[in-house]
Amino acid sequence: MLVARNLQKLEDVAAGLRNKHPQVEILPVKTDISDPGSVAELFEKVESEYGHAHVLVNNAAAFDDDIEAPVKDVDHEAWWKGMVCTPYSWFPYCSFYVPV
């Protein structure tokens, strides 16, 4: 599974991976780590497709594309969301995937 907020970018990455590794199953899933409901839907998709997750690699961040713009042009609300969400992005995944 490939997971990110932008489905088109996911599809592009998946297409490149499928070309290089046609034997590997790749399932792109649009997910927003800042939305617990979105993470819950991802977990349900994992369960329905695979039964459970064997490995979880979290490289999530919530920064928008304008984060590389000059400071005066960066949306402050988006910047704050990225600063708060990124270091805590592991929690929503772990709350669903790690058995207690």
Protein backbone atom coordinates (compact mmCIF):
# COMPACT_ATOMS: atom_id res chain seq x y z
CA MET A 1 0.00 0.00 0.00
CA LEU A 2 1.09 3.52 -0.78
CA VAL A 3 -0.57 6.18 1.34
CA ALA A 4 -0.69 9.95 0.96
CA ARG A 5 -3.14 12.84 0.67
CA ASN A 6 -2.72 13.34 -3.08
CA LEU A 7 -4.20 10.43 -5.03
CA GLN A 8 -2.81 11.60 -8.37
CA LYS A 9 0.75 11.63 -7.01
CA LEU A 10 0.14 8.18 -5.50
CA GLU A 11 -1.09 6.88 -8.86
CA ASP A 12 1.99 8.32 -10.59
CA VAL A 13 4.35 6.64 -8.09
CA ALA A 14 2.40 3.39 -8.32
CA ALA A 15 2.62 3.41 -12.12
CA GLY A 16 6.40 3.86 -11.97
CA LEU A 17 6.76 1.06 -9.44
CA ARG A 18 4.52 -1.26 -11.47
CA ASN A 19 6.70 -0.66 -14.54
CA LYS A 20 9.86 -1.56 -12.64
CA HIS A 21 8.37 -4.33 -10.48
CA PRO A 22 5.33 -5.85 -12.25
CA GLN A 23 5.25 -8.80 -9.85
CA VAL A 24 4.63 -6.55 -6.82
CA GLU A 25 1.06 -5.69 -5.80
CA ILE A 26 0.70 -1.95 -5.25
CA LEU A 27 -2.44 -0.40 -3.80
CA PRO A 28 -2.53 3.42 -3.59
CA VAL A 29 -4.87 4.72 -0.87
CA LYS A 30 -5.64 8.40 -0.27
CA THR A 31 -5.26 9.05 3.46
CA ASP A 32 -4.92 12.20 5.57
CA ILE A 33 -2.94 11.54 8.76
CA SER A 34 -4.46 14.60 10.41
CA ASP A 35 -7.94 13.04 10.12
CA PRO A 36 -8.53 10.06 12.45
CA GLY A 37 -11.49 8.98 10.29
CA SER A 38 -9.25 8.80 7.25
CA VAL A 39 -6.73 6.66 9.15
CA ALA A 40 -9.59 4.41 10.34
CA GLU A 41 -10.70 3.95 6.72
CA LEU A 42 -7.13 3.00 5.79
CA PHE A 43 -7.05 0.42 8.59
CA GLU A 44 -10.36 -1.04 7.35
CA LYS A 45 -8.91 -1.23 3.82
CA VAL A 46 -5.81 -3.05 5.12
CA GLU A 47 -8.00 -5.53 7.00
CA SER A 48 -10.27 -6.17 4.02
CA GLU A 49 -7.39 -6.57 1.54
CA TYR A 50 -4.72 -8.30 3.65
CA GLY A 51 -6.13 -9.26 7.05
CA HIS A 52 -3.55 -7.18 8.93
CA ALA A 53 -0.42 -5.11 8.41
CA HIS A 54 2.90 -6.95 8.68
CA VAL A 55 5.06 -3.84 8.40
CA LEU A 56 4.30 -0.15 8.79
CA VAL A 57 6.79 2.42 7.52
CA ASN A 58 5.71 5.88 8.56
CA ASN A 59 7.28 8.78 6.71
CA ALA A 60 4.27 11.03 7.06
CA ALA A 61 4.21 14.79 7.16
CA ALA A 62 1.43 17.30 6.76
CA PHE A 63 3.19 20.15 5.00
CA ASP A 64 1.59 21.64 1.92
CA ASP A 65 3.48 22.43 -1.26
CA ASP A 66 3.91 26.11 -0.35
CA ILE A 67 6.16 25.28 2.62
CA GLU A 68 9.18 26.00 0.42
CA ALA A 69 7.87 29.46 -0.49
CA PRO A 70 9.34 32.60 1.07
CA VAL A 71 8.19 32.96 4.68
CA LYS A 72 6.02 35.96 3.83
CA ASP A 73 4.05 33.80 1.34
CA VAL A 74 3.54 30.69 3.50
CA ASP A 75 0.03 30.14 4.83
CA HIS A 76 0.41 30.32 8.61
CA GLU A 77 -2.44 27.93 9.37
CA ALA A 78 -1.03 25.29 6.99
CA TRP A 79 2.45 25.78 8.47
CA TRP A 80 1.13 25.31 11.99
CA LYS A 81 -0.78 22.19 11.01
CA GLY A 82 2.40 20.75 9.52
CA MET A 83 4.46 21.60 12.59
CA VAL A 84 1.94 19.99 14.94
CA CYS A 85 0.91 17.04 12.80
CA THR A 86 4.27 15.86 11.51
CA PRO A 87 5.98 14.88 14.80
CA TYR A 88 2.82 13.16 16.03
CA SER A 89 1.91 11.39 12.77
CA TRP A 90 2.97 8.02 14.14
CA PHE A 91 0.21 8.00 16.77
CA PRO A 92 -2.92 7.56 14.62
CA TYR A 93 -1.32 4.69 12.72
CA CYS A 94 -0.05 2.96 15.82
CA SER A 95 -3.40 3.32 17.59
CA PHE A 96 -4.96 1.19 14.84
CA TYR A 97 -2.11 -1.13 13.86
CA VAL A 98 -0.34 -2.06 17.08
CA PRO A 99 -2.25 -4.77 18.93
CA VAL A 100 -2.71 -4.13 22.62
